Amino acid sequence: MSDTSRPDLPDHLSVDPRSPHHVAAVFEHDIGILFNGKERRDVEEYCVSEGWIKVPAGKTVDRKGQPLMIKLKGKVEAFYK
């Protein structure tokens, strides 16, 4: 990016701080995800090179209280707003 205050967006990024793919510096800025040409606001994790995103499956949660995720495949683009 031409702006030096923003880190480059990684290929694989997760919102969950327990994930090895979580990069806290990226979340200091507002980012967006385009999935198949439409902006998604509910993305929890994405991978641009493999072409998938993970989103919550409704209001269902696992036994630890974490939302259940479904993986959707398609064209993924990440950008700074």
PDB file of N, CA and C in Angstrom:
ATOM      1  N   MET A   1       0.838  -1.166   0.000  1.00  0.00           N
ATOM      2  CA  MET A   1       0.000   0.000   0.000  1.00  0.00           C
ATOM      3  C   MET A   1       0.887   1.235   0.000  1.00  0.00           C
ATOM      4  N   SER A   2       0.370   2.322  -0.532  1.00  0.00           N
ATOM      5  CA  SER A   2       1.140   3.550  -0.549  1.00  0.00           C
ATOM      6  C   SER A   2       1.140   4.227   0.812  1.00  0.00           C
ATOM      7  N   ASP A   3       0.120   3.960   1.637  1.00  0.00           N
ATOM      8  CA  ASP A   3       0.045   4.536   2.974  1.00  0.00           C
ATOM      9  C   ASP A   3       0.883   3.681   3.927  1.00  0.00           C
ATOM     10  N   THR A   4       1.927   4.292   4.512  1.00  0.00           N
ATOM     11  CA  THR A   4       2.834   3.530   5.367  1.00  0.00           C
ATOM     12  C   THR A   4       2.257   3.269   6.748  1.00  0.00           C
ATOM     13  N   SER A   5       1.190   3.964   7.145  1.00  0.00           N
ATOM     14  CA  SER A   5       0.629   3.754   8.476  1.00  0.00           C
ATOM     15  C   SER A   5      -0.234   2.499   8.538  1.00  0.00           C
ATOM     16  N   ARG A   6      -0.623   1.972   7.405  1.00  0.00           N
ATOM     17  CA  ARG A   6      -1.437   0.760   7.350  1.00  0.00           C
ATOM     18  C   ARG A   6      -0.582  -0.440   6.968  1.00  0.00           C
ATOM     19  N   PRO A   7      -0.671  -1.533   7.724  1.00  0.00           N
ATOM     20  CA  PRO A   7       0.058  -2.739   7.315  1.00  0.00           C
ATOM     21  C   PRO A   7      -0.637  -3.383   6.112  1.00  0.00           C
ATOM     22  N   ASP A   8       0.126  -4.128   5.338  1.00  0.00           N
ATOM     23  CA  ASP A   8      -0.469  -4.843   4.214  1.00  0.00           C
ATOM     24  C   ASP A   8      -1.469  -5.869   4.735  1.00  0.00           C
ATOM     25  N   LEU A   9      -2.558  -6.045   4.001  1.00  0.00           N
ATOM     26  CA  LEU A   9      -3.544  -7.040   4.399  1.00  0.00           C
ATOM     27  C   LEU A   9      -3.003  -8.436   4.112  1.00  0.00           C
ATOM     28  N   PRO A  10      -3.052  -9.330   5.095  1.00  0.00           N
ATOM     29  CA  PRO A  10      -2.534 -10.681   4.882  1.00  0.00           C
ATOM     30  C   PRO A  10      -3.458 -11.507   3.990  1.00  0.00           C
ATOM     31  N   ASP A  11      -2.921 -12.576   3.442  1.00  0.00           N
ATOM     32  CA  ASP A  11      -3.701 -13.484   2.609  1.00  0.00           C
ATOM     33  C   ASP A  11      -4.759 -14.225   3.437  1.00  0.00           C
ATOM     34  N   HIS A  12      -4.438 -14.547   4.673  1.00  0.00           N
ATOM     35  CA  HIS A  12      -5.334 -15.300   5.562  1.00  0.00           C
ATOM     36  C   HIS A  12      -5.452 -14.501   6.861  1.00  0.00           C
ATOM     37  N   LEU A  13      -6.680 -14.116   7.231  1.00  0.00           N
ATOM     38  CA  LEU A  13      -6.873 -13.291   8.408  1.00  0.00           C
ATOM     39  C   LEU A  13      -8.088 -13.770   9.185  1.00  0.00           C
ATOM     40  N   SER A  14      -7.986 -13.742  10.515  1.00  0.00           N
ATOM     41  CA  SER A  14      -9.073 -14.150  11.398  1.00  0.00           C
ATOM     42  C   SER A  14      -9.365 -13.058  12.411  1.00  0.00           C
ATOM     43  N   VAL A  15     -10.645 -12.913  12.759  1.00  0.00           N
ATOM     44  CA  VAL A  15     -11.076 -11.952  13.770  1.00  0.00           C
ATOM     45  C   VAL A  15     -10.774 -12.469  15.172  1.00  0.00           C
ATOM     46  N   ASP A  16     -10.774 -13.780  15.349  1.00  0.00           N
ATOM     47  CA  ASP A  16     -10.594 -14.415  16.658  1.00  0.00           C
ATOM     48  C   ASP A  16      -9.159 -14.229  17.149  1.00  0.00           C
ATOM     49  N   PRO A  17      -8.967 -13.559  18.307  1.00  0.00           N
ATOM     50  CA  PRO A  17      -7.596 -13.343  18.794  1.00  0.00           C
ATOM     51  C   PRO A  17      -6.866 -14.621  19.189  1.00  0.00           C
ATOM     52  N   ARG A  18      -7.563 -15.735  19.377  1.00  0.00           N
ATOM     53  CA  ARG A  18      -6.912 -17.009  19.710  1.00  0.00           C
ATOM     54  C   ARG A  18      -6.343 -17.704  18.480  1.00  0.00           C
ATOM     55  N   SER A  19      -6.693 -17.249  17.299  1.00  0.00           N
ATOM     56  CA  SER A  19      -6.249 -17.874  16.053  1.00  0.00           C
ATOM     57  C   SER A  19      -4.809 -17.480  15.720  1.00  0.00           C
ATOM     58  N   PRO A  20      -4.049 -18.388  15.113  1.00  0.00           N
ATOM     59  CA  PRO A  20      -2.697 -18.015  14.669  1.00  0.00           C
ATOM     60  C   PRO A  20      -2.722 -17.046  13.480  1.00  0.00           C
ATOM     61  N   HIS A  21      -3.880 -16.855  12.859  1.00  0.00           N
ATOM     62  CA  HIS A  21      -4.014 -15.962  11.702  1.00  0.00           C
ATOM     63  C   HIS A  21      -4.558 -14.590  12.092  1.00  0.00           C
ATOM     64  N   HIS A  22      -4.589 -14.286  13.380  1.00  0.00           N
ATOM     65  CA  HIS A  22      -5.060 -12.989  13.863  1.00  0.00           C
ATOM     66  C   HIS A  22      -3.892 -12.011  13.874  1.00  0.00           C
ATOM     67  N   VAL A  23      -4.080 -10.836  13.247  1.00  0.00           N
ATOM     68  CA  VAL A  23      -3.065  -9.780  13.221  1.00  0.00           C
ATOM     69  C   VAL A  23      -3.725  -8.524  13.793  1.00  0.00           C
ATOM     70  N   ALA A  24      -3.389  -8.190  15.027  1.00  0.00           N
ATOM     71  CA  ALA A  24      -4.054  -7.085  15.725  1.00  0.00           C
ATOM     72  C   ALA A  24      -3.844  -5.740  15.039  1.00  0.00           C
ATOM     73  N   ALA A  25      -2.695  -5.523  14.428  1.00  0.00           N
ATOM     74  CA  ALA A  25      -2.400  -4.237  13.789  1.00  0.00           C
ATOM     75  C   ALA A  25      -3.355  -3.939  12.638  1.00  0.00           C
ATOM     76  N   VAL A  26      -3.840  -4.959  11.958  1.00  0.00           N
ATOM     77  CA  VAL A  26      -4.771  -4.769  10.846  1.00  0.00           C
ATOM     78  C   VAL A  26      -6.104  -4.245  11.351  1.00  0.00           C
ATOM     79  N   PHE A  27      -6.535  -4.694  12.524  1.00  0.00           N
ATOM     80  CA  PHE A  27      -7.846  -4.318  13.042  1.00  0.00           C
ATOM     81  C   PHE A  27      -7.870  -2.930  13.667  1.00  0.00           C
ATOM     82  N   GLU A  28      -6.737  -2.236  13.693  1.00  0.00           N
ATOM     83  CA  GLU A  28      -6.722  -0.841  14.115  1.00  0.00           C
ATOM     84  C   GLU A  28      -7.335   0.053  13.043  1.00  0.00           C
ATOM     85  N   HIS A  29      -7.479  -0.460  11.832  1.00  0.00           N
ATOM     86  CA  HIS A  29      -8.061   0.266  10.704  1.00  0.00           C
ATOM     87  C   HIS A  29      -9.331  -0.450  10.272  1.00  0.00           C
ATOM     88  N   ASP A  30     -10.205   0.268   9.584  1.00  0.00           N
ATOM     89  CA  ASP A  30     -11.457  -0.305   9.112  1.00  0.00           C
ATOM     90  C   ASP A  30     -11.200  -1.054   7.807  1.00  0.00           C
ATOM     91  N   ILE A  31     -11.505  -2.366   7.789  1.00  0.00           N
ATOM     92  CA  ILE A  31     -11.290  -3.162   6.583  1.00  0.00           C
ATOM     93  C   ILE A  31     -12.636  -3.678   6.072  1.00  0.00           C
ATOM     94  N   GLY A  32     -12.658  -4.028   4.803  1.00  0.00           N
ATOM     95  CA  GLY A  32     -13.855  -4.578   4.188  1.00  0.00           C
ATOM     96  C   GLY A  32     -13.518  -5.826   3.397  1.00  0.00           C
ATOM     97  N   ILE A  33     -14.533  -6.666   3.184  1.00  0.00           N
ATOM     98  CA  ILE A  33     -14.370  -7.903   2.429  1.00  0.00           C
ATOM     99  C   ILE A  33     -15.406  -7.924   1.316  1.00  0.00           C
ATOM    100  N   LEU A  34     -14.941  -8.099   0.082  1.00  0.00           N
ATOM    101  CA  LEU A  34     -15.839  -8.318  -1.046  1.00  0.00           C
ATOM    102  C   LEU A  34     -15.861  -9.803  -1.326  1.00  0.00           C
ATOM    103  N   PHE A  35     -17.042 -10.396  -1.319  1.00  0.00           N
ATOM    104  CA  PHE A  35     -17.190 -11.818  -1.607  1.00  0.00           C
ATOM    105  C   PHE A  35     -18.115 -11.946  -2.804  1.00  0.00           C
ATOM    106  N   ASN A  36     -17.577 -12.453  -3.910  1.00  0.00           N
ATOM    107  CA  ASN A  36     -18.300 -12.561  -5.176  1.00  0.00           C
ATOM    108  C   ASN A  36     -18.920 -11.227  -5.595  1.00  0.00           C
ATOM    109  N   GLY A  37     -18.165 -10.136  -5.384  1.00  0.00           N
ATOM    110  CA  GLY A  37     -18.589  -8.824  -5.824  1.00  0.00           C
ATOM    111  C   GLY A  37     -19.488  -8.061  -4.865  1.00  0.00           C
ATOM    112  N   LYS A  38     -19.862  -8.645  -3.736  1.00  0.00           N
ATOM    113  CA  LYS A  38     -20.725  -7.976  -2.764  1.00  0.00           C
ATOM    114  C   LYS A  38     -19.991  -7.846  -1.435  1.00  0.00           C
ATOM    115  N   GLU A  39     -20.157  -6.703  -0.781  1.00  0.00           N
ATOM    116  CA  GLU A  39     -19.494  -6.498   0.503  1.00  0.00           C
ATOM    117  C   GLU A  39     -20.207  -7.277   1.599  1.00  0.00           C
ATOM    118  N   ARG A  40     -19.425  -8.022   2.381  1.00  0.00           N
ATOM    119  CA  ARG A  40     -19.959  -8.796   3.511  1.00  0.00           C
ATOM    120  C   ARG A  40     -19.461  -8.168   4.799  1.00  0.00           C
ATOM    121  N   ARG A  41     -20.338  -8.030   5.767  1.00  0.00           N
ATOM    122  CA  ARG A  41     -19.979  -7.432   7.050  1.00  0.00           C
ATOM    123  C   ARG A  41     -19.890  -8.468   8.161  1.00  0.00           C
ATOM    124  N   ASP A  42     -20.220  -9.724   7.872  1.00  0.00           N
ATOM    125  CA  ASP A  42     -20.266 -10.756   8.907  1.00  0.00           C
ATOM    126  C   ASP A  42     -19.122 -11.766   8.811  1.00  0.00           C
ATOM    127  N   VAL A  43     -18.057 -11.438   8.112  1.00  0.00           N
ATOM    128  CA  VAL A  43     -16.939 -12.362   7.893  1.00  0.00           C
ATOM    129  C   VAL A  43     -16.088 -12.459   9.156  1.00  0.00           C
ATOM    130  N   GLU A  44     -15.855 -13.689   9.615  1.00  0.00           N
ATOM    131  CA  GLU A  44     -15.017 -13.938  10.789  1.00  0.00           C
ATOM    132  C   GLU A  44     -13.593 -14.326  10.396  1.00  0.00           C
ATOM    133  N   GLU A  45     -13.429 -14.932   9.228  1.00  0.00           N
ATOM    134  CA  GLU A  45     -12.115 -15.375   8.752  1.00  0.00           C
ATOM    135  C   GLU A  45     -12.168 -15.460   7.239  1.00  0.00           C
ATOM    136  N   TYR A  46     -11.030 -15.180   6.582  1.00  0.00           N
ATOM    137  CA  TYR A  46     -10.985 -15.297   5.127  1.00  0.00           C
ATOM    138  C   TYR A  46      -9.621 -15.762   4.667  1.00  0.00           C
ATOM    139  N   CYS A  47      -9.580 -16.289   3.441  1.00  0.00           N
ATOM    140  CA  CYS A  47      -8.333 -16.634   2.772  1.00  0.00           C
ATOM    141  C   CYS A  47      -8.496 -16.259   1.295  1.00  0.00           C
ATOM    142  N   VAL A  48      -7.731 -15.291   0.847  1.00  0.00           N
ATOM    143  CA  VAL A  48      -7.849 -14.793  -0.525  1.00  0.00           C
ATOM    144  C   VAL A  48      -7.346 -15.831  -1.526  1.00  0.00           C
ATOM    145  N   SER A  49      -6.175 -16.435  -1.272  1.00  0.00           N
ATOM    146  CA  SER A  49      -5.573 -17.359  -2.241  1.00  0.00           C
ATOM    147  C   SER A  49      -6.398 -18.632  -2.424  1.00  0.00           C
ATOM    148  N   GLU A  50      -7.027 -19.118  -1.340  1.00  0.00           N
ATOM    149  CA  GLU A  50      -7.851 -20.327  -1.442  1.00  0.00           C
ATOM    150  C   GLU A  50      -9.293 -20.008  -1.805  1.00  0.00           C
ATOM    151  N   GLY A  51      -9.707 -18.753  -1.704  1.00  0.00           N
ATOM    152  CA  GLY A  51     -11.033 -18.323  -2.131  1.00  0.00           C
ATOM    153  C   GLY A  51     -12.164 -18.761  -1.218  1.00  0.00           C
ATOM    154  N   TRP A  52     -12.067 -18.503   0.093  1.00  0.00           N
ATOM    155  CA  TRP A  52     -13.148 -18.844   1.009  1.00  0.00           C
ATOM    156  C   TRP A  52     -13.246 -17.830   2.145  1.00  0.00           C
ATOM    157  N   ILE A  53     -14.436 -17.777   2.734  1.00  0.00           N
ATOM    158  CA  ILE A  53     -14.670 -16.990   3.939  1.00  0.00           C
ATOM    159  C   ILE A  53     -15.415 -17.868   4.929  1.00  0.00           C
ATOM    160  N   LYS A  54     -15.315 -17.537   6.205  1.00  0.00           N
ATOM    161  CA  LYS A  54     -16.099 -18.213   7.238  1.00  0.00           C
ATOM    162  C   LYS A  54     -17.026 -17.186   7.869  1.00  0.00           C
ATOM    163  N   VAL A  55     -18.310 -17.554   7.941  1.00  0.00           N
ATOM    164  CA  VAL A  55     -19.328 -16.686   8.523  1.00  0.00           C
ATOM    165  C   VAL A  55     -20.128 -17.476   9.553  1.00  0.00           C
ATOM    166  N   PRO A  56     -20.738 -16.796  10.534  1.00  0.00           N
ATOM    167  CA  PRO A  56     -21.557 -17.504  11.517  1.00  0.00           C
ATOM    168  C   PRO A  56     -22.766 -18.161  10.860  1.00  0.00           C
ATOM    169  N   ALA A  57     -23.130 -19.342  11.366  1.00  0.00           N
ATOM    170  CA  ALA A  57     -24.295 -20.084  10.848  1.00  0.00           C
ATOM    171  C   ALA A  57     -25.510 -19.719  11.700  1.00  0.00           C
ATOM    172  N   GLY A  58     -26.063 -18.546  11.468  1.00  0.00           N
ATOM    173  CA  GLY A  58     -27.225 -18.102  12.234  1.00  0.00           C
ATOM    174  C   GLY A  58     -26.857 -17.814  13.676  1.00  0.00           C
ATOM    175  N   LYS A  59     -27.740 -18.197  14.588  1.00  0.00           N
ATOM    176  CA  LYS A  59     -27.519 -17.937  16.016  1.00  0.00           C
ATOM    177  C   LYS A  59     -27.005 -19.168  16.756  1.00  0.00           C
ATOM    178  N   THR A  60     -26.671 -20.230  16.039  1.00  0.00           N
ATOM    179  CA  THR A  60     -26.217 -21.460  16.683  1.00  0.00           C
ATOM    180  C   THR A  60     -24.821 -21.287  17.271  1.00  0.00           C
ATOM    181  N   VAL A  61     -24.604 -21.901  18.422  1.00  0.00           N
ATOM    182  CA  VAL A  61     -23.313 -21.841  19.089  1.00  0.00           C
ATOM    183  C   VAL A  61     -22.869 -23.248  19.467  1.00  0.00           C
ATOM    184  N   ASP A  62     -21.548 -23.419  19.652  1.00  0.00           N
ATOM    185  CA  ASP A  62     -21.034 -24.710  20.091  1.00  0.00           C
ATOM    186  C   ASP A  62     -21.116 -24.798  21.612  1.00  0.00           C
ATOM    187  N   ARG A  63     -20.614 -25.863  22.179  1.00  0.00           N
ATOM    188  CA  ARG A  63     -20.735 -26.065  23.623  1.00  0.00           C
ATOM    189  C   ARG A  63     -19.903 -25.094  24.450  1.00  0.00           C
ATOM    190  N   LYS A  64     -18.975 -24.394  23.803  1.00  0.00           N
ATOM    191  CA  LYS A  64     -18.169 -23.388  24.505  1.00  0.00           C
ATOM    192  C   LYS A  64     -18.725 -21.981  24.321  1.00  0.00           C
ATOM    193  N   GLY A  65     -19.865 -21.863  23.630  1.00  0.00           N
ATOM    194  CA  GLY A  65     -20.490 -20.569  23.425  1.00  0.00           C
ATOM    195  C   GLY A  65     -20.008 -19.803  22.218  1.00  0.00           C
ATOM    196  N   GLN A  66     -19.126 -20.406  21.418  1.00  0.00           N
ATOM    197  CA  GLN A  66     -18.628 -19.764  20.203  1.00  0.00           C
ATOM    198  C   GLN A  66     -19.599 -20.040  19.057  1.00  0.00           C
ATOM    199  N   PRO A  67     -19.816 -19.075  18.162  1.00  0.00           N
ATOM    200  CA  PRO A  67     -20.734 -19.313  17.037  1.00  0.00           C
ATOM    201  C   PRO A  67     -20.199 -20.398  16.099  1.00  0.00           C
ATOM    202  N   LEU A  68     -21.101 -21.219  15.575  1.00  0.00           N
ATOM    203  CA  LEU A  68     -20.719 -22.216  14.574  1.00  0.00           C
ATOM    204  C   LEU A  68     -20.483 -21.504  13.249  1.00  0.00           C
ATOM    205  N   MET A  69     -19.424 -21.881  12.559  1.00  0.00           N
ATOM    206  CA  MET A  69     -19.041 -21.226  11.309  1.00  0.00           C
ATOM    207  C   MET A  69     -19.314 -22.130  10.114  1.00  0.00           C
ATOM    208  N   ILE A  70     -19.677 -21.496   9.001  1.00  0.00           N
ATOM    209  CA  ILE A  70     -19.774 -22.209   7.737  1.00  0.00           C
ATOM    210  C   ILE A  70     -18.777 -21.569   6.774  1.00  0.00           C
ATOM    211  N   LYS A  71     -18.227 -22.388   5.895  1.00  0.00           N
ATOM    212  CA  LYS A  71     -17.241 -21.921   4.927  1.00  0.00           C
ATOM    213  C   LYS A  71     -17.937 -21.752   3.580  1.00  0.00           C
ATOM    214  N   LEU A  72     -17.811 -20.561   3.015  1.00  0.00           N
ATOM    215  CA  LEU A  72     -18.361 -20.262   1.698  1.00  0.00           C
ATOM    216  C   LEU A  72     -17.201 -20.060   0.737  1.00  0.00           C
ATOM    217  N   LYS A  73     -17.296 -20.649  -0.457  1.00  0.00           N
ATOM    218  CA  LYS A  73     -16.225 -20.540  -1.444  1.00  0.00           C
ATOM    219  C   LYS A  73     -16.636 -19.601  -2.556  1.00  0.00           C
ATOM    220  N   GLY A  74     -15.673 -18.819  -3.013  1.00  0.00           N
ATOM    221  CA  GLY A  74     -15.913 -17.856  -4.099  1.00  0.00           C
ATOM    222  C   GLY A  74     -14.736 -16.908  -4.205  1.00  0.00           C
ATOM    223  N   LYS A  75     -14.926 -15.807  -4.926  1.00  0.00           N
ATOM    224  CA  LYS A  75     -13.875 -14.817  -5.105  1.00  0.00           C
ATOM    225  C   LYS A  75     -13.856 -13.882  -3.899  1.00  0.00           C
ATOM    226  N   VAL A  76     -12.695 -13.756  -3.247  1.00  0.00           N
ATOM    227  CA  VAL A  76     -12.542 -12.959  -2.045  1.00  0.00           C
ATOM    228  C   VAL A  76     -11.558 -11.815  -2.310  1.00  0.00           C
ATOM    229  N   GLU A  77     -11.944 -10.591  -1.914  1.00  0.00           N
ATOM    230  CA  GLU A  77     -11.071  -9.434  -2.003  1.00  0.00           C
ATOM    231  C   GLU A  77     -11.140  -8.691  -0.673  1.00  0.00           C
ATOM    232  N   ALA A  78      -9.986  -8.374  -0.113  1.00  0.00           N
ATOM    233  CA  ALA A  78      -9.914  -7.600   1.133  1.00  0.00           C
ATOM    234  C   ALA A  78      -9.370  -6.213   0.813  1.00  0.00           C
ATOM    235  N   PHE A  79      -9.900  -5.209   1.507  1.00  0.00           N
ATOM    236  CA  PHE A  79      -9.479  -3.825   1.255  1.00  0.00           C
ATOM    237  C   PHE A  79      -9.649  -2.987   2.504  1.00  0.00           C
ATOM    238  N   TYR A  80      -8.924  -1.867   2.533  1.00  0.00           N
ATOM    239  CA  TYR A  80      -9.112  -0.878   3.598  1.00  0.00           C
ATOM    240  C   TYR A  80     -10.194   0.087   3.152  1.00  0.00           C
ATOM    241  N   LYS A  81     -11.068   0.462   4.073  1.00  0.00           N
ATOM    242  CA  LYS A  81     -12.131   1.437   3.751  1.00  0.00           C
ATOM    243  C   LYS A  81     -11.597   2.833   3.873  1.00  0.00           C
TER     244      LYS A  81
END
